[in-house]
C-alpha cells in the first residue's frame, strides 16, 4: 500500500490506526485488517427498496425532491456520478443503445436553437444512463431531465451556452460516443468527468 499510494510506511501506519480508532476498519492478528460494515449499508438497503418500487411515476416523484436542491448541489452530484455511469455503459451498452446515442448526438449537433439542443443533449445523457442497466441511476437521470426543464435551469443555460461553448459540447459528446462505441470504460469515464466539470463551470462561474 505504501508503494501504491506513494506514502511513507509510518504515515500509512498512522492512517490505518486513525481509521481503526474511528471504527472504519478492524485488525485481527494473524488474519489481517478488514473494512468494517459501513453506515452506507443502510443507504444501500434503502436504494434496493427504491429500485424495487420504481415505476412509471418514479422520476416525477424523485424530481419533486430535487427541485429544492441548488444548481450547485445538483451539478456536484452529476460530476461525481455521471463518469461512473459512463464507465458502466461502456461495458454494458447494446448495439441498440449505441444507435440511440448516435441518433441523439446527430440531432444535438444539428439542433437549430438552444431548446432543441437541450432536448437532444438530455436524450444523449439519458441513453447513456439506460445503457448502464441500473434502475436507480436511470430514475435519477430522468428526474434530472425534468428539473433541467424548469425555467430557472433554462435561464442558466441560456445565459451560459455561447456558440463557442456549444461547439465544444458537440466535440466532447462526439468523443464520448466514440469511446462508448469502442467499449473503452476508462476513456469514457474521463471524458464525462471533464465534460461535466465544463458544464458546471459554465453554469456556475461564480460558485
N, C-alpha and C. Protein backbone atom coordinates (compact mmCIF):
# COMPACT_ATOMS: atom_id res chain seq x y z
N UNK A 1 0.82 -1.20 0.00
CA UNK A 1 0.00 0.00 0.00
C UNK A 1 0.86 1.26 0.00
N UNK A 2 1.99 1.21 0.73
CA UNK A 2 2.87 2.37 0.76
C UNK A 2 3.39 2.68 -0.64
N UNK A 3 3.75 1.63 -1.36
CA UNK A 3 4.25 1.83 -2.72
C UNK A 3 3.14 2.28 -3.66
N UNK A 4 1.95 1.69 -3.50
CA UNK A 4 0.83 2.01 -4.38
C UNK A 4 0.42 3.46 -4.27
N UNK A 5 0.38 3.99 -3.03
CA UNK A 5 -0.10 5.35 -2.82
C UNK A 5 1.02 6.37 -2.65
N UNK A 6 2.27 5.89 -2.68
CA UNK A 6 3.40 6.82 -2.62
C UNK A 6 3.54 7.53 -1.29
N UNK A 7 3.32 6.81 -0.18
CA UNK A 7 3.46 7.41 1.15
C UNK A 7 4.45 6.59 1.96
N UNK A 8 4.99 7.22 3.01
CA UNK A 8 5.92 6.52 3.88
C UNK A 8 5.19 5.49 4.72
N UNK A 9 5.91 4.45 5.13
CA UNK A 9 5.27 3.38 5.90
C UNK A 9 4.73 3.89 7.24
N UNK A 10 5.48 4.79 7.90
CA UNK A 10 5.00 5.29 9.18
C UNK A 10 3.74 6.14 9.00
N UNK A 11 3.64 6.86 7.87
CA UNK A 11 2.42 7.63 7.58
C UNK A 11 1.25 6.69 7.38
N UNK A 12 1.49 5.61 6.64
CA UNK A 12 0.44 4.64 6.37
C UNK A 12 -0.03 3.98 7.67
N UNK A 13 0.92 3.64 8.53
CA UNK A 13 0.55 3.02 9.81
C UNK A 13 -0.32 3.97 10.65
N UNK A 14 0.04 5.26 10.64
CA UNK A 14 -0.75 6.24 11.40
C UNK A 14 -2.16 6.36 10.85
N UNK A 15 -2.30 6.37 9.52
CA UNK A 15 -3.62 6.47 8.90
C UNK A 15 -4.46 5.25 9.24
N UNK A 16 -3.85 4.07 9.17
CA UNK A 16 -4.57 2.84 9.50
C UNK A 16 -5.02 2.86 10.95
N UNK A 17 -4.15 3.36 11.84
CA UNK A 17 -4.52 3.44 13.26
C UNK A 17 -5.69 4.39 13.45
N UNK A 18 -5.68 5.55 12.76
CA UNK A 18 -6.78 6.50 12.88
C UNK A 18 -8.09 5.91 12.36
N UNK A 19 -8.02 5.17 11.25
CA UNK A 19 -9.22 4.54 10.71
C UNK A 19 -9.78 3.50 11.67
N UNK A 20 -8.86 2.78 12.32
CA UNK A 20 -9.31 1.77 13.28
C UNK A 20 -9.95 2.44 14.49
N UNK A 21 -9.37 3.56 14.96
CA UNK A 21 -9.94 4.28 16.09
C UNK A 21 -11.31 4.84 15.77
N UNK A 22 -11.53 5.19 14.50
CA UNK A 22 -12.83 5.71 14.08
C UNK A 22 -13.84 4.60 13.81
N UNK A 23 -13.40 3.35 13.95
CA UNK A 23 -14.31 2.23 13.77
C UNK A 23 -14.59 1.86 12.33
N UNK A 24 -13.77 2.36 11.40
CA UNK A 24 -14.00 2.08 9.99
C UNK A 24 -13.33 0.78 9.54
N UNK A 25 -12.26 0.39 10.24
CA UNK A 25 -11.59 -0.87 9.93
C UNK A 25 -11.33 -1.60 11.24
N UNK A 26 -11.01 -2.88 11.13
CA UNK A 26 -10.67 -3.65 12.32
C UNK A 26 -9.55 -4.62 11.97
N UNK A 27 -8.63 -4.80 12.92
CA UNK A 27 -7.47 -5.66 12.71
C UNK A 27 -7.62 -6.95 13.49
N UNK A 28 -7.23 -8.06 12.86
CA UNK A 28 -7.25 -9.38 13.50
C UNK A 28 -5.87 -9.99 13.36
N UNK A 29 -5.13 -10.14 14.48
CA UNK A 29 -3.79 -10.72 14.41
C UNK A 29 -3.78 -12.06 13.68
N UNK A 30 -2.87 -12.18 12.77
CA UNK A 30 -2.75 -13.42 12.02
C UNK A 30 -3.67 -13.52 10.83
N UNK A 31 -4.67 -12.62 10.73
CA UNK A 31 -5.63 -12.67 9.62
C UNK A 31 -5.53 -11.45 8.72
N UNK A 32 -5.32 -10.28 9.33
CA UNK A 32 -5.21 -9.08 8.52
C UNK A 32 -6.12 -7.98 9.01
N UNK A 33 -6.25 -6.94 8.21
CA UNK A 33 -7.08 -5.77 8.53
C UNK A 33 -8.22 -5.71 7.54
N UNK A 34 -9.43 -5.45 8.05
CA UNK A 34 -10.62 -5.54 7.21
C UNK A 34 -11.47 -4.28 7.39
N UNK A 35 -12.19 -3.92 6.34
CA UNK A 35 -13.15 -2.83 6.41
C UNK A 35 -14.36 -3.31 7.18
N UNK A 36 -14.79 -2.51 8.15
CA UNK A 36 -15.96 -2.89 8.94
C UNK A 36 -17.23 -2.59 8.16
N UNK A 37 -18.35 -3.14 8.62
CA UNK A 37 -19.64 -2.86 7.99
C UNK A 37 -19.85 -1.35 7.98
N UNK A 38 -20.13 -0.81 6.83
CA UNK A 38 -20.21 0.64 6.66
C UNK A 38 -21.60 1.16 6.94
N UNK A 39 -21.70 2.40 7.47
CA UNK A 39 -23.02 3.01 7.62
C UNK A 39 -23.71 3.19 6.29
N UNK A 40 -22.94 3.11 5.20
CA UNK A 40 -23.57 3.19 3.88
C UNK A 40 -24.43 1.97 3.61
N UNK A 41 -24.27 0.93 4.44
CA UNK A 41 -25.10 -0.25 4.24
C UNK A 41 -26.57 0.07 4.34
N UNK A 42 -26.92 0.96 5.28
CA UNK A 42 -28.32 1.36 5.41
C UNK A 42 -28.79 2.06 4.15
N UNK A 43 -27.93 2.90 3.57
CA UNK A 43 -28.28 3.58 2.34
C UNK A 43 -28.46 2.58 1.20
N UNK A 44 -27.59 1.56 1.19
CA UNK A 44 -27.71 0.56 0.13
C UNK A 44 -29.05 -0.16 0.23
N UNK A 45 -29.46 -0.45 1.49
CA UNK A 45 -30.75 -1.10 1.68
C UNK A 45 -31.88 -0.23 1.20
N UNK A 46 -31.77 1.07 1.47
CA UNK A 46 -32.80 1.99 1.00
C UNK A 46 -32.81 2.05 -0.52
N UNK A 47 -31.62 2.00 -1.09
CA UNK A 47 -31.53 2.05 -2.56
C UNK A 47 -32.18 0.82 -3.18
N UNK A 48 -31.96 -0.34 -2.55
CA UNK A 48 -32.58 -1.55 -3.08
C UNK A 48 -34.10 -1.45 -2.99
N UNK A 49 -34.57 -0.90 -1.88
CA UNK A 49 -36.02 -0.73 -1.73
C UNK A 49 -36.56 0.22 -2.79
N UNK A 50 -35.80 1.28 -3.06
CA UNK A 50 -36.22 2.22 -4.09
C UNK A 50 -36.27 1.53 -5.45
N UNK A 51 -35.25 0.73 -5.74
CA UNK A 51 -35.22 0.03 -7.03
C UNK A 51 -36.43 -0.87 -7.17
N UNK A 52 -36.82 -1.52 -6.07
CA UNK A 52 -37.96 -2.41 -6.15
C UNK A 52 -39.28 -1.70 -6.34
N UNK A 53 -39.32 -0.41 -5.95
CA UNK A 53 -40.57 0.32 -6.04
C UNK A 53 -40.65 1.22 -7.26
N UNK A 54 -39.60 1.25 -8.07
CA UNK A 54 -39.60 2.16 -9.22
C UNK A 54 -40.70 1.78 -10.20
N UNK A 55 -41.42 2.77 -10.63
CA UNK A 55 -42.45 2.55 -11.63
C UNK A 55 -42.53 3.75 -12.53
N UNK A 56 -43.62 3.88 -13.29
CA UNK A 56 -43.75 4.97 -14.24
C UNK A 56 -43.72 6.33 -13.57
N UNK A 57 -44.16 6.41 -12.30
CA UNK A 57 -44.20 7.70 -11.62
C UNK A 57 -42.97 7.99 -10.80
N UNK A 58 -41.95 7.14 -10.87
CA UNK A 58 -40.77 7.30 -10.00
C UNK A 58 -40.01 8.57 -10.31
N UNK A 59 -39.75 8.86 -11.57
CA UNK A 59 -38.95 10.03 -11.92
C UNK A 59 -39.64 11.33 -11.51
N UNK A 60 -40.93 11.55 -11.80
CA UNK A 60 -41.57 12.78 -11.33
C UNK A 60 -41.52 12.94 -9.82
N UNK A 61 -41.72 11.84 -9.08
CA UNK A 61 -41.67 11.92 -7.62
C UNK A 61 -40.27 12.29 -7.15
N UNK A 62 -39.27 11.68 -7.75
CA UNK A 62 -37.88 11.97 -7.43
C UNK A 62 -37.57 13.43 -7.78
N UNK A 63 -38.07 13.89 -8.92
CA UNK A 63 -37.81 15.25 -9.36
C UNK A 63 -38.35 16.27 -8.37
N UNK A 64 -39.50 15.97 -7.74
CA UNK A 64 -40.06 16.89 -6.74
C UNK A 64 -39.06 17.10 -5.60
N UNK A 65 -38.37 16.05 -5.22
CA UNK A 65 -37.39 16.17 -4.16
C UNK A 65 -36.18 16.99 -4.61
N UNK A 66 -35.80 16.84 -5.88
CA UNK A 66 -34.63 17.52 -6.38
C UNK A 66 -34.87 19.00 -6.62
N UNK A 67 -36.13 19.40 -6.81
CA UNK A 67 -36.41 20.81 -7.12
C UNK A 67 -35.94 21.74 -6.01
N UNK A 68 -35.87 21.24 -4.80
CA UNK A 68 -35.42 22.08 -3.69
C UNK A 68 -33.91 22.21 -3.60
N UNK A 69 -33.20 21.43 -4.39
CA UNK A 69 -31.74 21.48 -4.35
C UNK A 69 -31.22 22.64 -5.21
N UNK A 70 -30.08 23.16 -4.82
CA UNK A 70 -29.49 24.25 -5.59
C UNK A 70 -28.83 23.70 -6.85
N UNK A 71 -28.67 24.52 -7.88
CA UNK A 71 -27.92 24.08 -9.07
C UNK A 71 -26.52 23.60 -8.72
N UNK A 72 -25.88 24.25 -7.75
CA UNK A 72 -24.54 23.83 -7.35
C UNK A 72 -24.56 22.41 -6.77
N UNK A 73 -25.58 22.11 -5.95
CA UNK A 73 -25.68 20.77 -5.36
C UNK A 73 -25.91 19.71 -6.44
N UNK A 74 -26.82 20.01 -7.36
CA UNK A 74 -27.12 19.05 -8.42
C UNK A 74 -25.91 18.82 -9.31
N UNK A 75 -25.20 19.88 -9.65
CA UNK A 75 -24.03 19.72 -10.51
C UNK A 75 -22.92 18.96 -9.79
N UNK A 76 -22.81 19.16 -8.48
CA UNK A 76 -21.80 18.42 -7.73
C UNK A 76 -22.06 16.92 -7.82
N UNK A 77 -23.33 16.53 -7.68
CA UNK A 77 -23.66 15.11 -7.78
C UNK A 77 -23.45 14.61 -9.20
N UNK A 78 -23.78 15.41 -10.19
CA UNK A 78 -23.58 14.99 -11.58
C UNK A 78 -22.10 14.76 -11.87
N UNK A 79 -21.24 15.65 -11.36
CA UNK A 79 -19.80 15.50 -11.58
C UNK A 79 -19.30 14.20 -10.95
N UNK A 80 -19.84 13.85 -9.79
CA UNK A 80 -19.43 12.63 -9.11
C UNK A 80 -19.99 11.38 -9.77
N UNK A 81 -21.25 11.45 -10.20
CA UNK A 81 -21.98 10.25 -10.61
C UNK A 81 -21.82 9.90 -12.09
N UNK A 82 -21.93 10.87 -12.96
CA UNK A 82 -22.03 10.55 -14.38
C UNK A 82 -20.77 9.91 -14.98
N UNK A 83 -19.56 10.24 -14.51
CA UNK A 83 -18.41 9.49 -15.03
C UNK A 83 -18.49 7.99 -14.75
N UNK A 84 -19.00 7.62 -13.58
CA UNK A 84 -19.14 6.21 -13.24
C UNK A 84 -20.22 5.54 -14.09
N UNK A 85 -21.28 6.29 -14.40
CA UNK A 85 -22.33 5.77 -15.27
C UNK A 85 -21.77 5.49 -16.66
N UNK A 86 -20.95 6.40 -17.17
CA UNK A 86 -20.34 6.19 -18.49
C UNK A 86 -19.45 4.96 -18.49
N UNK A 87 -18.74 4.74 -17.38
CA UNK A 87 -17.90 3.55 -17.26
C UNK A 87 -18.74 2.28 -17.34
N UNK A 88 -19.86 2.27 -16.65
CA UNK A 88 -20.76 1.12 -16.72
C UNK A 88 -21.32 0.94 -18.13
N UNK A 89 -21.73 2.05 -18.74
CA UNK A 89 -22.33 1.99 -20.07
C UNK A 89 -21.35 1.43 -21.10
N UNK A 90 -20.09 1.75 -20.96
CA UNK A 90 -19.09 1.26 -21.92
C UNK A 90 -19.01 -0.26 -21.91
N UNK A 91 -19.30 -0.85 -20.76
CA UNK A 91 -19.24 -2.30 -20.64
C UNK A 91 -20.57 -2.99 -20.92
N UNK A 92 -21.67 -2.26 -20.77
CA UNK A 92 -22.99 -2.90 -20.83
C UNK A 92 -23.84 -2.50 -22.03
N UNK A 93 -23.44 -1.48 -22.76
CA UNK A 93 -24.28 -0.98 -23.85
C UNK A 93 -24.47 -2.02 -24.95
N UNK A 94 -25.70 -2.10 -25.44
CA UNK A 94 -26.00 -2.96 -26.59
C UNK A 94 -25.84 -2.14 -27.87
N UNK A 95 -25.95 -2.83 -29.00
CA UNK A 95 -25.89 -2.14 -30.28
C UNK A 95 -27.03 -1.12 -30.39
N UNK A 96 -28.20 -1.46 -29.85
CA UNK A 96 -29.33 -0.54 -29.87
C UNK A 96 -29.06 0.70 -29.01
N UNK A 97 -28.38 0.50 -27.88
CA UNK A 97 -28.02 1.63 -27.02
C UNK A 97 -27.08 2.59 -27.76
N UNK A 98 -26.08 2.03 -28.41
CA UNK A 98 -25.12 2.86 -29.15
C UNK A 98 -25.83 3.61 -30.27
N UNK A 99 -26.76 2.94 -30.95
CA UNK A 99 -27.51 3.58 -32.02
C UNK A 99 -28.34 4.75 -31.47
N UNK A 100 -28.93 4.58 -30.29
CA UNK A 100 -29.71 5.66 -29.68
C UNK A 100 -28.82 6.84 -29.33
N UNK A 101 -27.63 6.56 -28.83
CA UNK A 101 -26.67 7.64 -28.53
C UNK A 101 -26.28 8.38 -29.80
N UNK A 102 -26.00 7.64 -30.86
CA UNK A 102 -25.59 8.27 -32.10
C UNK A 102 -26.70 9.14 -32.69
N UNK A 103 -27.95 8.68 -32.57
CA UNK A 103 -29.08 9.48 -33.05
C UNK A 103 -29.20 10.77 -32.25
N UNK A 104 -29.12 10.66 -30.94
CA UNK A 104 -29.22 11.85 -30.09
C UNK A 104 -28.06 12.80 -30.37
N UNK A 105 -26.86 12.25 -30.55
CA UNK A 105 -25.70 13.08 -30.85
C UNK A 105 -25.89 13.84 -32.17
N UNK A 106 -26.30 13.12 -33.20
CA UNK A 106 -26.50 13.74 -34.51
C UNK A 106 -27.53 14.87 -34.42
N UNK A 107 -28.64 14.61 -33.74
CA UNK A 107 -29.69 15.61 -33.63
C UNK A 107 -29.26 16.81 -32.79
N UNK A 108 -28.45 16.57 -31.77
CA UNK A 108 -27.98 17.68 -30.95
C UNK A 108 -27.03 18.57 -31.73
N UNK A 109 -26.19 17.97 -32.54
CA UNK A 109 -25.24 18.74 -33.35
C UNK A 109 -25.97 19.61 -34.37
N UNK A 110 -27.07 19.10 -34.93
CA UNK A 110 -27.82 19.82 -35.96
C UNK A 110 -28.98 20.62 -35.40
N UNK A 111 -29.11 20.70 -34.07
CA UNK A 111 -30.21 21.44 -33.46
C UNK A 111 -30.13 22.92 -33.85
N UNK A 112 -31.30 23.52 -34.12
CA UNK A 112 -31.36 24.89 -34.60
C UNK A 112 -31.24 25.92 -33.48
N UNK A 113 -31.72 25.61 -32.31
CA UNK A 113 -31.69 26.57 -31.22
C UNK A 113 -31.39 25.89 -29.91
N UNK A 114 -31.31 26.70 -28.84
CA UNK A 114 -30.95 26.15 -27.53
C UNK A 114 -31.96 25.13 -27.04
N UNK A 115 -33.25 25.40 -27.20
CA UNK A 115 -34.26 24.48 -26.69
C UNK A 115 -34.13 23.11 -27.36
N UNK A 116 -33.94 23.10 -28.66
CA UNK A 116 -33.79 21.83 -29.38
C UNK A 116 -32.49 21.13 -28.98
N UNK A 117 -31.43 21.93 -28.84
CA UNK A 117 -30.16 21.35 -28.40
C UNK A 117 -30.30 20.73 -27.01
N UNK A 118 -30.94 21.45 -26.10
CA UNK A 118 -31.13 20.95 -24.74
C UNK A 118 -31.90 19.63 -24.73
N UNK A 119 -32.91 19.54 -25.59
CA UNK A 119 -33.70 18.30 -25.65
C UNK A 119 -32.81 17.12 -26.04
N UNK A 120 -32.04 17.28 -27.10
CA UNK A 120 -31.23 16.16 -27.58
C UNK A 120 -30.01 15.91 -26.70
N UNK A 121 -29.51 16.96 -26.08
CA UNK A 121 -28.44 16.77 -25.10
C UNK A 121 -28.94 15.90 -23.95
N UNK A 122 -30.15 16.20 -23.47
CA UNK A 122 -30.74 15.39 -22.39
C UNK A 122 -30.98 13.96 -22.86
N UNK A 123 -31.41 13.79 -24.10
CA UNK A 123 -31.64 12.44 -24.63
C UNK A 123 -30.35 11.64 -24.74
N UNK A 124 -29.26 12.32 -25.07
CA UNK A 124 -27.97 11.63 -25.15
C UNK A 124 -27.55 11.13 -23.77
N UNK A 125 -27.63 11.98 -22.78
CA UNK A 125 -27.25 11.56 -21.43
C UNK A 125 -28.20 10.46 -20.92
N UNK A 126 -29.47 10.57 -21.28
CA UNK A 126 -30.43 9.54 -20.88
C UNK A 126 -30.09 8.20 -21.52
N UNK A 127 -29.70 8.22 -22.78
CA UNK A 127 -29.32 6.98 -23.47
C UNK A 127 -28.12 6.32 -22.80
N UNK A 128 -27.18 7.13 -22.31
CA UNK A 128 -26.01 6.59 -21.61
C UNK A 128 -26.44 5.96 -20.30
N UNK A 129 -27.33 6.62 -19.58
CA UNK A 129 -27.83 6.05 -18.32
C UNK A 129 -28.58 4.75 -18.58
N UNK A 130 -29.38 4.71 -19.64
CA UNK A 130 -30.10 3.47 -19.95
C UNK A 130 -29.13 2.34 -20.23
N UNK A 131 -28.03 2.66 -20.91
CA UNK A 131 -27.05 1.63 -21.25
C UNK A 131 -26.34 1.09 -20.02
N UNK A 132 -26.35 1.84 -18.92
CA UNK A 132 -25.71 1.37 -17.68
C UNK A 132 -26.49 0.25 -17.01
N UNK A 133 -27.77 0.09 -17.39
CA UNK A 133 -28.60 -1.01 -16.90
C UNK A 133 -28.75 -1.00 -15.37
N UNK A 134 -29.13 0.17 -14.83
CA UNK A 134 -29.33 0.28 -13.40
C UNK A 134 -30.56 1.15 -13.17
N UNK A 135 -31.59 0.58 -12.57
CA UNK A 135 -32.88 1.28 -12.44
C UNK A 135 -32.78 2.52 -11.56
N UNK A 136 -31.96 2.48 -10.52
CA UNK A 136 -31.83 3.63 -9.64
C UNK A 136 -31.16 4.78 -10.36
N UNK A 137 -30.08 4.49 -11.07
CA UNK A 137 -29.38 5.52 -11.82
C UNK A 137 -30.28 6.11 -12.91
N UNK A 138 -31.05 5.25 -13.56
CA UNK A 138 -31.95 5.74 -14.61
C UNK A 138 -33.01 6.67 -14.03
N UNK A 139 -33.57 6.33 -12.87
CA UNK A 139 -34.56 7.20 -12.24
C UNK A 139 -33.95 8.55 -11.90
N UNK A 140 -32.71 8.53 -11.45
CA UNK A 140 -32.01 9.79 -11.16
C UNK A 140 -31.90 10.65 -12.42
N UNK A 141 -31.47 10.05 -13.53
CA UNK A 141 -31.30 10.81 -14.77
C UNK A 141 -32.63 11.37 -15.27
N UNK A 142 -33.67 10.56 -15.21
CA UNK A 142 -34.99 11.03 -15.67
C UNK A 142 -35.46 12.20 -14.81
N UNK A 143 -35.17 12.14 -13.51
CA UNK A 143 -35.55 13.24 -12.62
C UNK A 143 -34.76 14.50 -12.95
N UNK A 144 -33.48 14.34 -13.20
CA UNK A 144 -32.63 15.49 -13.57
C UNK A 144 -33.16 16.13 -14.85
N UNK A 145 -33.56 15.31 -15.81
CA UNK A 145 -34.08 15.86 -17.07
C UNK A 145 -35.36 16.65 -16.86
N UNK A 146 -36.16 16.25 -15.88
CA UNK A 146 -37.36 17.02 -15.55
C UNK A 146 -36.96 18.35 -14.92
N UNK A 147 -36.02 18.31 -14.00
CA UNK A 147 -35.60 19.52 -13.30
C UNK A 147 -34.93 20.51 -14.26
N UNK A 148 -34.13 20.01 -15.20
CA UNK A 148 -33.42 20.92 -16.08
C UNK A 148 -34.34 21.58 -17.10
N UNK A 149 -35.60 21.16 -17.16
CA UNK A 149 -36.60 21.86 -17.98
C UNK A 149 -37.29 22.98 -17.22
N UNK A 150 -36.96 23.11 -15.93
CA UNK A 150 -37.54 24.19 -15.14
C UNK A 150 -37.03 25.53 -15.67
N UNK A 151 -37.84 26.61 -15.54
CA UNK A 151 -37.44 27.93 -16.06
C UNK A 151 -36.10 28.41 -15.54
N UNK A 152 -35.83 28.16 -14.25
CA UNK A 152 -34.57 28.63 -13.67
C UNK A 152 -33.37 27.99 -14.32
N UNK A 153 -33.46 26.68 -14.57
CA UNK A 153 -32.37 25.98 -15.23
C UNK A 153 -32.20 26.47 -16.67
N UNK A 154 -33.31 26.67 -17.35
CA UNK A 154 -33.22 27.14 -18.74
C UNK A 154 -32.57 28.52 -18.80
N UNK A 155 -32.87 29.37 -17.84
CA UNK A 155 -32.24 30.70 -17.82
C UNK A 155 -30.73 30.59 -17.62
N UNK A 156 -30.32 29.67 -16.74
CA UNK A 156 -28.88 29.44 -16.56
C UNK A 156 -28.23 29.00 -17.86
N UNK A 157 -28.87 28.07 -18.55
CA UNK A 157 -28.33 27.58 -19.82
C UNK A 157 -28.28 28.69 -20.87
N UNK A 158 -29.37 29.45 -20.97
CA UNK A 158 -29.44 30.50 -21.98
C UNK A 158 -28.36 31.54 -21.77
N UNK A 159 -28.05 31.80 -20.52
CA UNK A 159 -27.02 32.79 -20.20
C UNK A 159 -25.62 32.27 -20.49
N UNK A 160 -25.42 30.96 -20.38
CA UNK A 160 -24.06 30.42 -20.42
C UNK A 160 -23.67 29.76 -21.73
N UNK A 161 -24.64 29.22 -22.48
CA UNK A 161 -24.30 28.43 -23.67
C UNK A 161 -24.10 29.35 -24.87
N UNK A 162 -22.86 29.71 -25.12
CA UNK A 162 -22.50 30.51 -26.28
C UNK A 162 -22.29 29.59 -27.48
N UNK A 163 -22.25 30.12 -28.70
CA UNK A 163 -21.96 29.28 -29.87
C UNK A 163 -20.63 28.54 -29.72
N UNK A 164 -19.64 29.20 -29.14
CA UNK A 164 -18.33 28.56 -28.95
C UNK A 164 -18.43 27.39 -27.96
N UNK A 165 -19.17 27.62 -26.88
CA UNK A 165 -19.31 26.54 -25.88
C UNK A 165 -20.10 25.38 -26.46
N UNK A 166 -21.12 25.68 -27.22
CA UNK A 166 -21.91 24.60 -27.83
C UNK A 166 -21.06 23.79 -28.79
N UNK A 167 -20.18 24.43 -29.52
CA UNK A 167 -19.28 23.71 -30.40
C UNK A 167 -18.36 22.78 -29.60
N UNK A 168 -17.93 23.26 -28.44
CA UNK A 168 -17.10 22.43 -27.56
C UNK A 168 -17.90 21.24 -27.05
N UNK A 169 -19.15 21.48 -26.66
CA UNK A 169 -20.00 20.38 -26.21
C UNK A 169 -20.17 19.34 -27.31
N UNK A 170 -20.38 19.80 -28.55
CA UNK A 170 -20.54 18.87 -29.67
C UNK A 170 -19.30 17.98 -29.81
N UNK A 171 -18.13 18.59 -29.70
CA UNK A 171 -16.89 17.83 -29.82
C UNK A 171 -16.75 16.83 -28.68
N UNK A 172 -17.04 17.27 -27.46
CA UNK A 172 -16.91 16.38 -26.31
C UNK A 172 -17.92 15.23 -26.37
N UNK A 173 -19.14 15.53 -26.81
CA UNK A 173 -20.14 14.48 -26.97
C UNK A 173 -19.72 13.47 -28.02
N UNK A 174 -19.15 13.97 -29.13
CA UNK A 174 -18.71 13.08 -30.21
C UNK A 174 -17.60 12.15 -29.72
N UNK A 175 -16.64 12.69 -28.97
CA UNK A 175 -15.56 11.87 -28.43
C UNK A 175 -16.10 10.84 -27.44
N UNK A 176 -17.09 11.24 -26.66
CA UNK A 176 -17.66 10.32 -25.67
C UNK A 176 -18.38 9.16 -26.34
N UNK A 177 -19.21 9.46 -27.33
CA UNK A 177 -19.94 8.38 -28.01
C UNK A 177 -18.95 7.44 -28.68
N UNK A 178 -17.87 7.98 -29.22
CA UNK A 178 -16.85 7.12 -29.85
C UNK A 178 -16.21 6.20 -28.81
N UNK A 179 -15.93 6.72 -27.62
CA UNK A 179 -15.34 5.89 -26.57
C UNK A 179 -16.29 4.79 -26.12
N UNK A 180 -17.58 5.12 -26.04
CA UNK A 180 -18.57 4.11 -25.66
C UNK A 180 -18.71 3.06 -26.77
N UNK A 181 -18.68 3.50 -28.01
CA UNK A 181 -18.76 2.57 -29.13
C UNK A 181 -17.55 1.63 -29.14
N UNK A 182 -16.39 2.16 -28.72
CA UNK A 182 -15.17 1.36 -28.69
C UNK A 182 -15.03 0.53 -27.42
N UNK A 183 -16.02 0.61 -26.53
CA UNK A 183 -16.01 -0.15 -25.27
C UNK A 183 -14.78 0.19 -24.43
N UNK A 184 -14.52 1.48 -24.27
CA UNK A 184 -13.36 1.94 -23.51
C UNK A 184 -13.86 2.63 -22.23
N UNK A 185 -14.04 1.88 -21.14
CA UNK A 185 -14.62 2.47 -19.92
C UNK A 185 -13.76 3.55 -19.29
N UNK A 186 -12.43 3.38 -19.31
CA UNK A 186 -11.56 4.37 -18.69
C UNK A 186 -11.64 5.71 -19.43
N UNK A 187 -11.59 5.65 -20.75
CA UNK A 187 -11.67 6.88 -21.54
C UNK A 187 -13.05 7.51 -21.40
N UNK A 188 -14.10 6.70 -21.44
CA UNK A 188 -15.46 7.23 -21.29
C UNK A 188 -15.62 7.94 -19.95
N UNK A 189 -15.13 7.33 -18.89
CA UNK A 189 -15.23 7.94 -17.56
C UNK A 189 -14.50 9.29 -17.53
N UNK A 190 -13.30 9.34 -18.07
CA UNK A 190 -12.53 10.58 -18.03
C UNK A 190 -13.14 11.67 -18.90
N UNK A 191 -13.66 11.28 -20.06
CA UNK A 191 -14.30 12.26 -20.94
C UNK A 191 -15.53 12.88 -20.28
N UNK A 192 -16.33 12.05 -19.62
CA UNK A 192 -17.52 12.58 -18.95
C UNK A 192 -17.12 13.46 -17.77
N UNK A 193 -16.10 13.07 -17.05
CA UNK A 193 -15.64 13.90 -15.93
C UNK A 193 -15.26 15.30 -16.41
N UNK A 194 -14.48 15.38 -17.47
CA UNK A 194 -14.06 16.68 -18.00
C UNK A 194 -15.26 17.46 -18.53
N UNK A 195 -16.18 16.75 -19.19
CA UNK A 195 -17.36 17.41 -19.75
C UNK A 195 -18.23 17.98 -18.64
N UNK A 196 -18.47 17.20 -17.58
CA UNK A 196 -19.33 17.67 -16.51
C UNK A 196 -18.69 18.83 -15.75
N UNK A 197 -17.38 18.82 -15.61
CA UNK A 197 -16.71 19.96 -14.99
C UNK A 197 -16.88 21.22 -15.83
N UNK A 198 -16.81 21.05 -17.15
CA UNK A 198 -17.01 22.20 -18.03
C UNK A 198 -18.44 22.73 -17.93
N UNK A 199 -19.40 21.80 -17.91
CA UNK A 199 -20.81 22.21 -17.77
C UNK A 199 -21.01 22.94 -16.45
N UNK A 200 -20.47 22.38 -15.37
CA UNK A 200 -20.61 23.02 -14.08
C UNK A 200 -20.00 24.42 -14.07
N UNK A 201 -18.80 24.56 -14.62
CA UNK A 201 -18.11 25.84 -14.58
C UNK A 201 -18.78 26.88 -15.49
N UNK A 202 -19.43 26.41 -16.55
CA UNK A 202 -20.12 27.36 -17.43
C UNK A 202 -21.43 27.84 -16.80
N UNK A 203 -22.10 26.94 -16.09
CA UNK A 203 -23.37 27.30 -15.44
C UNK A 203 -23.15 28.13 -14.18
N UNK A 204 -22.11 27.80 -13.45
CA UNK A 204 -21.91 28.38 -12.12
C UNK A 204 -20.52 29.00 -12.01
N UNK A 205 -20.22 30.00 -12.85
CA UNK A 205 -18.85 30.56 -12.87
C UNK A 205 -18.48 31.25 -11.58
N UNK A 206 -19.46 31.68 -10.78
CA UNK A 206 -19.18 32.43 -9.55
C UNK A 206 -19.44 31.61 -8.31
N UNK A 207 -19.46 30.26 -8.43
CA UNK A 207 -19.80 29.41 -7.30
C UNK A 207 -18.77 29.58 -6.17
